[in-house]
Amino acid sequence: MVRTWHFDLIADDEDTRHAALNRHRALLEASNAALRRVNELWAQTGSFEPETQPYREFRENRNRTLFGPISANDPAYAVLFLQWEARYPDEWREASRWTWSHWGAKENVLRWFARSGVPNAVKHDVAELVLDAVQRPYRCKDWRYAALVRHLAEPALVDRLSAIDDGRARYLLHLAANPDERITRNSFRLSTS
């Protein structure tokens, strides 16, 4: 995989990260401006024309953001999106002032991994994200990480979860031993009580 500028959103170097963040913001702004023009045309004409110049600009700019590869179900970019939220939640939320919900995007990424499985190339990174999620204060949609455990229940992850004295970690260990159990927001919430 070619490493694009998107991965600089989680770079250790502050200048590199902020340059990527500014680039991402500019693309999102251009995408949203084009979408506003699409909506104006739609309101004026009463019909939606997907092949208009504003709609092409909207799609091109959006696809150049991190959300293009995510919507194409690229696992490396999906992991990057989750890592960005885990490491820099304030920047992730602030940069997410787009037409779509960043929490909805997170939920979709986690649901996709749960349904499709976690490719070997990103298994280690996803396991780290699960461990991070279970050890931090709950964030919106974190309960969706629980469904990934059945794809990651290898001895190394089970050992690391066993070392965490927390109801959520115990629940994930239960899921590792019972991979067919149905997971809901409530079952996750009850595990923390």
Foldseek 3Di string as FASTA:
>chain_A
DDDDLQLQCPDPDPVSNVVSLVLLLVLQVQLQVLVVVQVVVCVVPVDHDCPDPSNVSNVVSCLVHLVVVLVVVDQVSLLSLLVSCLPPVVSSCVSPPHPDDSLVSNLVSLVCCLVVPRDPVCLVSLLVSLVSCQPDPHDRPNLSSLSRLCRNLDPVSLVVLVVDDALLSVVSNVCVVVVVDDGDPVVSVVSRD
